Amino acid sequence: MTPEYSQLYGSEMELFEAGGNNIDKDPDIQAYAIRRFDPQEEQERFQTRAKIHRKLGANQHWTGDGTTKCLLPGSNTRGVVETYTYDKNPKTLAQYGDALIILPTKPIG
């Protein structure tokens, strides 16, 4: 999930989707990986990254440095910050109390 692999993954996902494949279908992911990558290690790398995409939401717009691409036309800035925290006993947002500030947002445009 390095920035370099995230860029490759983003390009591959464009081709994956253009080919009518579905990220929610393991056979689509496996068949695409076999067609596109050699050696087997690279096939497994793509399949693992696709599973992370599907289960955690780290999609093709995730840059590998903790941010997403900004998808606004003509923009070269970063998008939102994304973090993943694995916690055996995760707290709800309400349990964080004053440690969090929730900002209201609205779509641009």
PDB file of N, CA and C in Angstrom:
ATOM      1  N   MET A   1       0.836  -1.188   0.000  1.00  0.00           N
ATOM      2  CA  MET A   1       0.000   0.000   0.000  1.00  0.00           C
ATOM      3  C   MET A   1       0.874   1.242   0.000  1.00  0.00           C
ATOM      4  N   THR A   2       2.003   1.152  -0.644  1.00  0.00           N
ATOM      5  CA  THR A   2       2.893   2.297  -0.786  1.00  0.00           C
ATOM      6  C   THR A   2       2.308   3.280  -1.785  1.00  0.00           C
ATOM      7  N   PRO A   3       2.778   4.518  -1.787  1.00  0.00           N
ATOM      8  CA  PRO A   3       2.305   5.464  -2.810  1.00  0.00           C
ATOM      9  C   PRO A   3       2.526   4.944  -4.230  1.00  0.00           C
ATOM     10  N   GLU A   4       3.654   4.277  -4.464  1.00  0.00           N
ATOM     11  CA  GLU A   4       3.931   3.762  -5.816  1.00  0.00           C
ATOM     12  C   GLU A   4       2.933   2.666  -6.211  1.00  0.00           C
ATOM     13  N   TYR A   5       2.676   1.737  -5.286  1.00  0.00           N
ATOM     14  CA  TYR A   5       1.730   0.668  -5.618  1.00  0.00           C
ATOM     15  C   TYR A   5       0.306   1.212  -5.684  1.00  0.00           C
ATOM     16  N   SER A   6      -0.013   2.188  -4.869  1.00  0.00           N
ATOM     17  CA  SER A   6      -1.350   2.782  -4.914  1.00  0.00           C
ATOM     18  C   SER A   6      -1.609   3.419  -6.283  1.00  0.00           C
ATOM     19  N   GLN A   7      -0.588   4.033  -6.860  1.00  0.00           N
ATOM     20  CA  GLN A   7      -0.732   4.625  -8.193  1.00  0.00           C
ATOM     21  C   GLN A   7      -0.966   3.525  -9.237  1.00  0.00           C
ATOM     22  N   LEU A   8      -0.194   2.446  -9.160  1.00  0.00           N
ATOM     23  CA  LEU A   8      -0.386   1.313 -10.072  1.00  0.00           C
ATOM     24  C   LEU A   8      -1.774   0.712  -9.887  1.00  0.00           C
ATOM     25  N   TYR A   9      -2.172   0.529  -8.641  1.00  0.00           N
ATOM     26  CA  TYR A   9      -3.483  -0.058  -8.353  1.00  0.00           C
ATOM     27  C   TYR A   9      -4.599   0.813  -8.928  1.00  0.00           C
ATOM     28  N   GLY A  10      -4.467   2.120  -8.785  1.00  0.00           N
ATOM     29  CA  GLY A  10      -5.476   3.024  -9.342  1.00  0.00           C
ATOM     30  C   GLY A  10      -5.609   2.869 -10.843  1.00  0.00           C
ATOM     31  N   SER A  11      -4.493   2.778 -11.540  1.00  0.00           N
ATOM     32  CA  SER A  11      -4.513   2.579 -13.002  1.00  0.00           C
ATOM     33  C   SER A  11      -5.133   1.235 -13.352  1.00  0.00           C
ATOM     34  N   GLU A  12      -4.755   0.213 -12.609  1.00  0.00           N
ATOM     35  CA  GLU A  12      -5.304  -1.127 -12.878  1.00  0.00           C
ATOM     36  C   GLU A  12      -6.799  -1.185 -12.600  1.00  0.00           C
ATOM     37  N   MET A  13      -7.266  -0.475 -11.575  1.00  0.00           N
ATOM     38  CA  MET A  13      -8.694  -0.492 -11.273  1.00  0.00           C
ATOM     39  C   MET A  13      -9.514   0.182 -12.373  1.00  0.00           C
ATOM     40  N   GLU A  14      -8.942   1.177 -13.030  1.00  0.00           N
ATOM     41  CA  GLU A  14      -9.628   1.771 -14.177  1.00  0.00           C
ATOM     42  C   GLU A  14      -9.844   0.714 -15.253  1.00  0.00           C
ATOM     43  N   LEU A  15      -8.810  -0.061 -15.548  1.00  0.00           N
ATOM     44  CA  LEU A  15      -8.920  -1.129 -16.548  1.00  0.00           C
ATOM     45  C   LEU A  15      -9.849  -2.240 -16.060  1.00  0.00           C
ATOM     46  N   PHE A  16      -9.740  -2.587 -14.791  1.00  0.00           N
ATOM     47  CA  PHE A  16     -10.576  -3.617 -14.179  1.00  0.00           C
ATOM     48  C   PHE A  16     -12.054  -3.270 -14.352  1.00  0.00           C
ATOM     49  N   GLU A  17     -12.419  -2.048 -13.991  1.00  0.00           N
ATOM     50  CA  GLU A  17     -13.818  -1.621 -14.088  1.00  0.00           C
ATOM     51  C   GLU A  17     -14.264  -1.453 -15.535  1.00  0.00           C
ATOM     52  N   ALA A  18     -13.368  -0.944 -16.379  1.00  0.00           N
ATOM     53  CA  ALA A  18     -13.715  -0.775 -17.805  1.00  0.00           C
ATOM     54  C   ALA A  18     -14.003  -2.120 -18.464  1.00  0.00           C
ATOM     55  N   GLY A  19     -13.409  -3.180 -17.936  1.00  0.00           N
ATOM     56  CA  GLY A  19     -13.635  -4.525 -18.465  1.00  0.00           C
ATOM     57  C   GLY A  19     -14.906  -5.172 -17.933  1.00  0.00           C
ATOM     58  N   GLY A  20     -15.705  -4.418 -17.180  1.00  0.00           N
ATOM     59  CA  GLY A  20     -16.964  -4.947 -16.661  1.00  0.00           C
ATOM     60  C   GLY A  20     -16.805  -5.819 -15.430  1.00  0.00           C
ATOM     61  N   ASN A  21     -15.650  -5.762 -14.806  1.00  0.00           N
ATOM     62  CA  ASN A  21     -15.410  -6.559 -13.599  1.00  0.00           C
ATOM     63  C   ASN A  21     -16.028  -5.891 -12.380  1.00  0.00           C
ATOM     64  N   ASN A  22     -16.266  -6.695 -11.358  1.00  0.00           N
ATOM     65  CA  ASN A  22     -16.908  -6.226 -10.133  1.00  0.00           C
ATOM     66  C   ASN A  22     -15.991  -6.503  -8.943  1.00  0.00           C
ATOM     67  N   ILE A  23     -15.641  -5.472  -8.187  1.00  0.00           N
ATOM     68  CA  ILE A  23     -14.750  -5.598  -7.033  1.00  0.00           C
ATOM     69  C   ILE A  23     -15.333  -6.524  -5.967  1.00  0.00           C
ATOM     70  N   ASP A  24     -16.637  -6.724  -5.957  1.00  0.00           N
ATOM     71  CA  ASP A  24     -17.275  -7.584  -4.965  1.00  0.00           C
ATOM     72  C   ASP A  24     -17.296  -9.053  -5.363  1.00  0.00           C
ATOM     73  N   LYS A  25     -16.710  -9.377  -6.508  1.00  0.00           N
ATOM     74  CA  LYS A  25     -16.708 -10.767  -6.982  1.00  0.00           C
ATOM     75  C   LYS A  25     -15.278 -11.298  -7.034  1.00  0.00           C
ATOM     76  N   ASP A  26     -14.995 -12.233  -6.125  1.00  0.00           N
ATOM     77  CA  ASP A  26     -13.657 -12.828  -6.082  1.00  0.00           C
ATOM     78  C   ASP A  26     -13.224 -13.424  -7.422  1.00  0.00           C
ATOM     79  N   PRO A  27     -14.118 -14.119  -8.165  1.00  0.00           N
ATOM     80  CA  PRO A  27     -13.683 -14.668  -9.454  1.00  0.00           C
ATOM     81  C   PRO A  27     -13.226 -13.579 -10.442  1.00  0.00           C
ATOM     82  N   ASP A  28     -13.871 -12.421 -10.415  1.00  0.00           N
ATOM     83  CA  ASP A  28     -13.449 -11.310 -11.282  1.00  0.00           C
ATOM     84  C   ASP A  28     -12.048 -10.838 -10.909  1.00  0.00           C
ATOM     85  N   ILE A  29     -11.796 -10.700  -9.615  1.00  0.00           N
ATOM     86  CA  ILE A  29     -10.491 -10.237  -9.128  1.00  0.00           C
ATOM     87  C   ILE A  29      -9.405 -11.241  -9.501  1.00  0.00           C
ATOM     88  N   GLN A  30      -9.688 -12.505  -9.252  1.00  0.00           N
ATOM     89  CA  GLN A  30      -8.693 -13.548  -9.527  1.00  0.00           C
ATOM     90  C   GLN A  30      -8.394 -13.657 -11.017  1.00  0.00           C
ATOM     91  N   ALA A  31      -9.423 -13.670 -11.851  1.00  0.00           N
ATOM     92  CA  ALA A  31      -9.216 -13.789 -13.295  1.00  0.00           C
ATOM     93  C   ALA A  31      -8.438 -12.591 -13.833  1.00  0.00           C
ATOM     94  N   TYR A  32      -8.766 -11.397 -13.353  1.00  0.00           N
ATOM     95  CA  TYR A  32      -8.049 -10.192 -13.798  1.00  0.00           C
ATOM     96  C   TYR A  32      -6.582 -10.266 -13.398  1.00  0.00           C
ATOM     97  N   ALA A  33      -6.326 -10.664 -12.166  1.00  0.00           N
ATOM     98  CA  ALA A  33      -4.943 -10.750 -11.677  1.00  0.00           C
ATOM     99  C   ALA A  33      -4.130 -11.727 -12.501  1.00  0.00           C
ATOM    100  N   ILE A  34      -4.718 -12.863 -12.849  1.00  0.00           N
ATOM    101  CA  ILE A  34      -4.010 -13.867 -13.651  1.00  0.00           C
ATOM    102  C   ILE A  34      -3.710 -13.331 -15.044  1.00  0.00           C
ATOM    103  N   ARG A  35      -4.662 -12.616 -15.641  1.00  0.00           N
ATOM    104  CA  ARG A  35      -4.460 -12.042 -16.990  1.00  0.00           C
ATOM    105  C   ARG A  35      -3.425 -10.940 -17.004  1.00  0.00           C
ATOM    106  N   ARG A  36      -3.388 -10.125 -15.959  1.00  0.00           N
ATOM    107  CA  ARG A  36      -2.586  -8.895 -15.981  1.00  0.00           C
ATOM    108  C   ARG A  36      -1.202  -8.997 -15.357  1.00  0.00           C
ATOM    109  N   PHE A  37      -0.995  -9.941 -14.448  1.00  0.00           N
ATOM    110  CA  PHE A  37       0.240  -9.918 -13.671  1.00  0.00           C
ATOM    111  C   PHE A  37       1.009 -11.226 -13.756  1.00  0.00           C
ATOM    112  N   ASP A  38       2.304 -11.079 -13.747  1.00  0.00           N
ATOM    113  CA  ASP A  38       3.229 -12.190 -13.680  1.00  0.00           C
ATOM    114  C   ASP A  38       4.461 -11.665 -12.960  1.00  0.00           C
ATOM    115  N   PRO A  39       4.992 -12.307 -12.011  1.00  0.00           N
ATOM    116  CA  PRO A  39       4.761 -13.664 -11.524  1.00  0.00           C
ATOM    117  C   PRO A  39       3.568 -13.748 -10.573  1.00  0.00           C
ATOM    118  N   GLN A  40       3.376 -14.927 -10.021  1.00  0.00           N
ATOM    119  CA  GLN A  40       2.256 -15.176  -9.132  1.00  0.00           C
ATOM    120  C   GLN A  40       2.260 -14.237  -7.928  1.00  0.00           C
ATOM    121  N   GLU A  41       3.422 -13.843  -7.475  1.00  0.00           N
ATOM    122  CA  GLU A  41       3.524 -12.916  -6.340  1.00  0.00           C
ATOM    123  C   GLU A  41       2.792 -11.601  -6.638  1.00  0.00           C
ATOM    124  N   GLU A  42       2.903 -11.115  -7.869  1.00  0.00           N
ATOM    125  CA  GLU A  42       2.208  -9.875  -8.255  1.00  0.00           C
ATOM    126  C   GLU A  42       0.700 -10.100  -8.372  1.00  0.00           C
ATOM    127  N   GLN A  43       0.306 -11.288  -8.798  1.00  0.00           N
ATOM    128  CA  GLN A  43      -1.121 -11.628  -8.837  1.00  0.00           C
ATOM    129  C   GLN A  43      -1.697 -11.592  -7.425  1.00  0.00           C
ATOM    130  N   GLU A  44      -0.982 -12.197  -6.490  1.00  0.00           N
ATOM    131  CA  GLU A  44      -1.430 -12.235  -5.100  1.00  0.00           C
ATOM    132  C   GLU A  44      -1.446 -10.827  -4.491  1.00  0.00           C
ATOM    133  N   ARG A  45      -0.480 -10.013  -4.869  1.00  0.00           N
ATOM    134  CA  ARG A  45      -0.422  -8.635  -4.359  1.00  0.00           C
ATOM    135  C   ARG A  45      -1.656  -7.853  -4.798  1.00  0.00           C
ATOM    136  N   PHE A  46      -2.030  -7.992  -6.074  1.00  0.00           N
ATOM    137  CA  PHE A  46      -3.225  -7.305  -6.574  1.00  0.00           C
ATOM    138  C   PHE A  46      -4.476  -7.822  -5.872  1.00  0.00           C
ATOM    139  N   GLN A  47      -4.583  -9.144  -5.730  1.00  0.00           N
ATOM    140  CA  GLN A  47      -5.769  -9.713  -5.087  1.00  0.00           C
ATOM    141  C   GLN A  47      -5.883  -9.273  -3.626  1.00  0.00           C
ATOM    142  N   THR A  48      -4.769  -9.207  -2.933  1.00  0.00           N
ATOM    143  CA  THR A  48      -4.778  -8.753  -1.543  1.00  0.00           C
ATOM    144  C   THR A  48      -5.205  -7.297  -1.461  1.00  0.00           C
ATOM    145  N   ARG A  49      -4.652  -6.472  -2.348  1.00  0.00           N
ATOM    146  CA  ARG A  49      -5.011  -5.042  -2.359  1.00  0.00           C
ATOM    147  C   ARG A  49      -6.493  -4.862  -2.677  1.00  0.00           C
ATOM    148  N   ALA A  50      -7.027  -5.669  -3.588  1.00  0.00           N
ATOM    149  CA  ALA A  50      -8.450  -5.593  -3.932  1.00  0.00           C
ATOM    150  C   ALA A  50      -9.326  -5.993  -2.737  1.00  0.00           C
ATOM    151  N   LYS A  51      -8.883  -6.965  -1.956  1.00  0.00           N
ATOM    152  CA  LYS A  51      -9.646  -7.362  -0.767  1.00  0.00           C
ATOM    153  C   LYS A  51      -9.644  -6.246   0.269  1.00  0.00           C
ATOM    154  N   ILE A  52      -8.510  -5.566   0.420  1.00  0.00           N
ATOM    155  CA  ILE A  52      -8.444  -4.423   1.335  1.00  0.00           C
ATOM    156  C   ILE A  52      -9.387  -3.328   0.847  1.00  0.00           C
ATOM    157  N   HIS A  53      -9.400  -3.086  -0.440  1.00  0.00           N
ATOM    158  CA  HIS A  53     -10.298  -2.111  -1.064  1.00  0.00           C
ATOM    159  C   HIS A  53     -11.745  -2.453  -0.707  1.00  0.00           C
ATOM    160  N   ARG A  54     -12.103  -3.699  -0.912  1.00  0.00           N
ATOM    161  CA  ARG A  54     -13.488  -4.124  -0.712  1.00  0.00           C
ATOM    162  C   ARG A  54     -13.889  -4.100   0.763  1.00  0.00           C
ATOM    163  N   LYS A  55     -13.039  -4.568   1.639  1.00  0.00           N
ATOM    164  CA  LYS A  55     -13.408  -4.710   3.045  1.00  0.00           C
ATOM    165  C   LYS A  55     -13.209  -3.440   3.871  1.00  0.00           C
ATOM    166  N   LEU A  56     -12.198  -2.644   3.535  1.00  0.00           N
ATOM    167  CA  LEU A  56     -11.882  -1.468   4.347  1.00  0.00           C
ATOM    168  C   LEU A  56     -12.157  -0.140   3.645  1.00  0.00           C
ATOM    169  N   GLY A  57     -12.425  -0.185   2.360  1.00  0.00           N
ATOM    170  CA  GLY A  57     -12.729   1.042   1.642  1.00  0.00           C
ATOM    171  C   GLY A  57     -11.518   1.777   1.104  1.00  0.00           C
ATOM    172  N   ALA A  58     -10.341   1.198   1.191  1.00  0.00           N
ATOM    173  CA  ALA A  58      -9.136   1.840   0.646  1.00  0.00           C
ATOM    174  C   ALA A  58      -9.152   1.641  -0.869  1.00  0.00           C
ATOM    175  N   ASN A  59      -9.983   2.429  -1.536  1.00  0.00           N
ATOM    176  CA  ASN A  59     -10.209   2.225  -2.961  1.00  0.00           C
ATOM    177  C   ASN A  59      -9.071   2.774  -3.810  1.00  0.00           C
ATOM    178  N   GLN A  60      -9.307   2.826  -5.101  1.00  0.00           N
ATOM    179  CA  GLN A  60      -8.270   3.256  -6.044  1.00  0.00           C
ATOM    180  C   GLN A  60      -7.916   4.736  -5.906  1.00  0.00           C
ATOM    181  N   HIS A  61      -8.664   5.483  -5.142  1.00  0.00           N
ATOM    182  CA  HIS A  61      -8.364   6.901  -4.937  1.00  0.00           C
ATOM    183  C   HIS A  61      -7.490   7.128  -3.712  1.00  0.00           C
ATOM    184  N   TRP A  62      -7.241   6.061  -2.948  1.00  0.00           N
ATOM    185  CA  TRP A  62      -6.359   6.162  -1.782  1.00  0.00           C
ATOM    186  C   TRP A  62      -4.925   6.198  -2.291  1.00  0.00           C
ATOM    187  N   THR A  63      -4.155   7.180  -1.832  1.00  0.00           N
ATOM    188  CA  THR A  63      -2.837   7.427  -2.423  1.00  0.00           C
ATOM    189  C   THR A  63      -1.699   6.641  -1.796  1.00  0.00           C
ATOM    190  N   GLY A  64      -1.929   6.045  -0.652  1.00  0.00           N
ATOM    191  CA  GLY A  64      -0.868   5.294   0.007  1.00  0.00           C
ATOM    192  C   GLY A  64      -0.085   6.114   1.012  1.00  0.00           C
ATOM    193  N   ASP A  65      -0.416   7.400   1.146  1.00  0.00           N
ATOM    194  CA  ASP A  65       0.275   8.236   2.125  1.00  0.00           C
ATOM    195  C   ASP A  65      -0.687   8.783   3.182  1.00  0.00           C
ATOM    196  N   GLY A  66      -1.871   8.199   3.259  1.00  0.00           N
ATOM    197  CA  GLY A  66      -2.850   8.622   4.254  1.00  0.00           C
ATOM    198  C   GLY A  66      -3.890   9.599   3.732  1.00  0.00           C
ATOM    199  N   THR A  67      -3.815   9.946   2.454  1.00  0.00           N
ATOM    200  CA  THR A  67      -4.806  10.847   1.869  1.00  0.00           C
ATOM    201  C   THR A  67      -5.433  10.190   0.636  1.00  0.00           C
ATOM    202  N   THR A  68      -6.505  10.808   0.172  1.00  0.00           N
ATOM    203  CA  THR A  68      -7.110  10.381  -1.086  1.00  0.00           C
ATOM    204  C   THR A  68      -6.812  11.430  -2.143  1.00  0.00           C
ATOM    205  N   LYS A  69      -7.008  11.055  -3.401  1.00  0.00           N
ATOM    206  CA  LYS A  69      -6.879  12.023  -4.489  1.00  0.00           C
ATOM    207  C   LYS A  69      -8.057  12.988  -4.407  1.00  0.00           C
ATOM    208  N   CYS A  70      -7.813  14.240  -4.718  1.00  0.00           N
ATOM    209  CA  CYS A  70      -8.903  15.200  -4.839  1.00  0.00           C
ATOM    210  C   CYS A  70      -9.506  14.989  -6.225  1.00  0.00           C
ATOM    211  N   LEU A  71     -10.792  14.716  -6.303  1.00  0.00           N
ATOM    212  CA  LEU A  71     -11.438  14.397  -7.568  1.00  0.00           C
ATOM    213  C   LEU A  71     -12.104  15.601  -8.227  1.00  0.00           C
ATOM    214  N   LEU A  72     -11.874  16.789  -7.681  1.00  0.00           N
ATOM    215  CA  LEU A  72     -12.445  17.987  -8.298  1.00  0.00           C
ATOM    216  C   LEU A  72     -11.697  18.293  -9.594  1.00  0.00           C
ATOM    217  N   PRO A  73     -12.405  18.586 -10.665  1.00  0.00           N
ATOM    218  CA  PRO A  73     -11.748  18.877 -11.939  1.00  0.00           C
ATOM    219  C   PRO A  73     -10.754  20.036 -11.812  1.00  0.00           C
ATOM    220  N   GLY A  74      -9.567  19.835 -12.367  1.00  0.00           N
ATOM    221  CA  GLY A  74      -8.554  20.881 -12.380  1.00  0.00           C
ATOM    222  C   GLY A  74      -7.782  21.052 -11.090  1.00  0.00           C
ATOM    223  N   SER A  75      -8.078  20.240 -10.097  1.00  0.00           N
ATOM    224  CA  SER A  75      -7.394  20.383  -8.812  1.00  0.00           C
ATOM    225  C   SER A  75      -6.187  19.455  -8.746  1.00  0.00           C
ATOM    226  N   ASN A  76      -5.106  19.950  -8.185  1.00  0.00           N
ATOM    227  CA  ASN A  76      -3.947  19.095  -7.971  1.00  0.00           C
ATOM    228  C   ASN A  76      -3.628  18.982  -6.477  1.00  0.00           C
ATOM    229  N   THR A  77      -4.626  19.276  -5.640  1.00  0.00           N
ATOM    230  CA  THR A  77      -4.444  19.174  -4.191  1.00  0.00           C
ATOM    231  C   THR A  77      -4.833  17.776  -3.728  1.00  0.00           C
ATOM    232  N   ARG A  78      -4.511  17.483  -2.500  1.00  0.00           N
ATOM    233  CA  ARG A  78      -4.894  16.206  -1.899  1.00  0.00           C
ATOM    234  C   ARG A  78      -6.349  16.265  -1.461  1.00  0.00           C
ATOM    235  N   GLY A  79      -6.940  15.095  -1.342  1.00  0.00           N
ATOM    236  CA  GLY A  79      -8.293  14.993  -0.825  1.00  0.00           C
ATOM    237  C   GLY A  79      -8.252  14.844   0.687  1.00  0.00           C
ATOM    238  N   VAL A  80      -9.205  14.125   1.205  1.00  0.00           N
ATOM    239  CA  VAL A  80      -9.325  13.973   2.653  1.00  0.00           C
ATOM    240  C   VAL A  80      -8.257  13.036   3.213  1.00  0.00           C
ATOM    241  N   VAL A  81      -7.991  13.195   4.498  1.00  0.00           N
ATOM    242  CA  VAL A  81      -7.089  12.303   5.212  1.00  0.00           C
ATOM    243  C   VAL A  81      -7.876  11.058   5.606  1.00  0.00           C
ATOM    244  N   GLU A  82      -7.290   9.901   5.381  1.00  0.00           N
ATOM    245  CA  GLU A  82      -7.917   8.644   5.782  1.00  0.00           C
ATOM    246  C   GLU A  82      -6.958   7.877   6.659  1.00  0.00           C
ATOM    247  N   THR A  83      -7.460   7.413   7.773  1.00  0.00           N
ATOM    248  CA  THR A  83      -6.645   6.582   8.649  1.00  0.00           C
ATOM    249  C   THR A  83      -7.401   5.294   8.944  1.00  0.00           C
ATOM    250  N   TYR A  84      -6.663   4.258   9.225  1.00  0.00           N
ATOM    251  CA  TYR A  84      -7.237   2.979   9.611  1.00  0.00           C
ATOM    252  C   TYR A  84      -6.655   2.613  10.961  1.00  0.00           C
ATOM    253  N   THR A  85      -7.535   2.347  11.898  1.00  0.00           N
ATOM    254  CA  THR A  85      -7.105   1.961  13.229  1.00  0.00           C
ATOM    255  C   THR A  85      -7.746   0.624  13.566  1.00  0.00           C
ATOM    256  N   TYR A  86      -6.920  -0.330  13.924  1.00  0.00           N
ATOM    257  CA  TYR A  86      -7.427  -1.620  14.379  1.00  0.00           C
ATOM    258  C   TYR A  86      -7.377  -1.610  15.891  1.00  0.00           C
ATOM    259  N   ASP A  87      -8.520  -1.796  16.505  1.00  0.00           N
ATOM    260  CA  ASP A  87      -8.609  -1.759  17.950  1.00  0.00           C
ATOM    261  C   ASP A  87      -9.462  -2.933  18.409  1.00  0.00           C
ATOM    262  N   LYS A  88      -8.967  -3.660  19.366  1.00  0.00           N
ATOM    263  CA  LYS A  88      -9.693  -4.821  19.877  1.00  0.00           C
ATOM    264  C   LYS A  88     -11.047  -4.414  20.458  1.00  0.00           C
ATOM    265  N   ASN A  89     -11.087  -3.262  21.108  1.00  0.00           N
ATOM    266  CA  ASN A  89     -12.320  -2.748  21.704  1.00  0.00           C
ATOM    267  C   ASN A  89     -12.529  -1.303  21.256  1.00  0.00           C
ATOM    268  N   PRO A  90     -12.956  -1.099  20.019  1.00  0.00           N
ATOM    269  CA  PRO A  90     -13.062   0.278  19.520  1.00  0.00           C
ATOM    270  C   PRO A  90     -14.138   1.078  20.246  1.00  0.00           C
ATOM    271  N   LYS A  91     -13.871   2.378  20.362  1.00  0.00           N
ATOM    272  CA  LYS A  91     -14.827   3.303  20.968  1.00  0.00           C
ATOM    273  C   LYS A  91     -15.751   3.849  19.889  1.00  0.00           C
ATOM    274  N   THR A  92     -16.912   4.302  20.306  1.00  0.00           N
ATOM    275  CA  THR A  92     -17.786   5.027  19.397  1.00  0.00           C
ATOM    276  C   THR A  92     -17.332   6.483  19.365  1.00  0.00           C
ATOM    277  N   LEU A  93     -17.760   7.241  18.403  1.00  0.00           N
ATOM    278  CA  LEU A  93     -17.397   8.653  18.337  1.00  0.00           C
ATOM    279  C   LEU A  93     -17.861   9.392  19.594  1.00  0.00           C
ATOM    280  N   ALA A  94     -19.026   9.041  20.100  1.00  0.00           N
ATOM    281  CA  ALA A  94     -19.553   9.699  21.299  1.00  0.00           C
ATOM    282  C   ALA A  94     -18.643   9.475  22.511  1.00  0.00           C
ATOM    283  N   GLN A  95     -17.999   8.326  22.574  1.00  0.00           N
ATOM    284  CA  GLN A  95     -17.136   8.023  23.715  1.00  0.00           C
ATOM    285  C   GLN A  95     -15.853   8.856  23.719  1.00  0.00           C
ATOM    286  N   TYR A  96     -15.488   9.444  22.601  1.00  0.00           N
ATOM    287  CA  TYR A  96     -14.298  10.294  22.558  1.00  0.00           C
ATOM    288  C   TYR A  96     -14.561  11.674  23.160  1.00  0.00           C
ATOM    289  N   GLY A  97     -15.822  12.032  23.279  1.00  0.00           N
ATOM    290  CA  GLY A  97     -16.188  13.295  23.923  1.00  0.00           C
ATOM    291  C   GLY A  97     -15.550  14.508  23.281  1.00  0.00           C
ATOM    292  N   ASP A  98     -14.935  15.362  24.114  1.00  0.00           N
ATOM    293  CA  ASP A  98     -14.350  16.617  23.638  1.00  0.00           C
ATOM    294  C   ASP A  98     -13.033  16.431  22.889  1.00  0.00           C
ATOM    295  N   ALA A  99     -12.532  15.211  22.806  1.00  0.00           N
ATOM    296  CA  ALA A  99     -11.276  14.960  22.084  1.00  0.00           C
ATOM    297  C   ALA A  99     -11.481  15.070  20.571  1.00  0.00           C
ATOM    298  N   LEU A 100     -12.726  15.007  20.121  1.00  0.00           N
ATOM    299  CA  LEU A 100     -13.032  15.105  18.693  1.00  0.00           C
ATOM    300  C   LEU A 100     -13.842  16.358  18.401  1.00  0.00           C
ATOM    301  N   ILE A 101     -13.586  16.927  17.264  1.00  0.00           N
ATOM    302  CA  ILE A 101     -14.413  18.025  16.771  1.00  0.00           C
ATOM    303  C   ILE A 101     -15.019  17.535  15.469  1.00  0.00           C
ATOM    304  N   ILE A 102     -16.311  17.517  15.383  1.00  0.00           N
ATOM    305  CA  ILE A 102     -16.992  17.089  14.178  1.00  0.00           C
ATOM    306  C   ILE A 102     -17.372  18.348  13.392  1.00  0.00           C
ATOM    307  N   LEU A 103     -16.872  18.418  12.180  1.00  0.00           N
ATOM    308  CA  LEU A 103     -17.088  19.581  11.338  1.00  0.00           C
ATOM    309  C   LEU A 103     -18.220  19.326  10.352  1.00  0.00           C
ATOM    310  N   PRO A 104     -19.164  20.240  10.247  1.00  0.00           N
ATOM    311  CA  PRO A 104     -20.214  20.067   9.228  1.00  0.00           C
ATOM    312  C   PRO A 104     -19.601  20.268   7.842  1.00  0.00           C
ATOM    313  N   THR A 105     -20.000  19.491   6.897  1.00  0.00           N
ATOM    314  CA  THR A 105     -19.490  19.623   5.527  1.00  0.00           C
ATOM    315  C   THR A 105     -20.652  19.709   4.552  1.00  0.00           C
ATOM    316  N   LYS A 106     -20.348  20.150   3.366  1.00  0.00           N
ATOM    317  CA  LYS A 106     -21.340  20.163   2.304  1.00  0.00           C
ATOM    318  C   LYS A 106     -20.607  19.971   0.979  1.00  0.00           C
ATOM    319  N   PRO A 107     -21.297  19.437  -0.011  1.00  0.00           N
ATOM    320  CA  PRO A 107     -20.666  19.228  -1.308  1.00  0.00           C
ATOM    321  C   PRO A 107     -20.278  20.541  -1.972  1.00  0.00           C
ATOM    322  N   ILE A 108     -19.225  20.509  -2.736  1.00  0.00           N
ATOM    323  CA  ILE A 108     -18.797  21.678  -3.505  1.00  0.00           C
ATOM    324  C   ILE A 108     -19.480  21.612  -4.870  1.00  0.00           C
ATOM    325  N   GLY A 109     -20.016  22.725  -5.309  1.00  0.00           N
ATOM    326  CA  GLY A 109     -20.544  22.760  -6.669  1.00  0.00           C
ATOM    327  C   GLY A 109     -21.963  22.738  -6.795  1.00  0.00           C
TER     328      GLY A 109
END
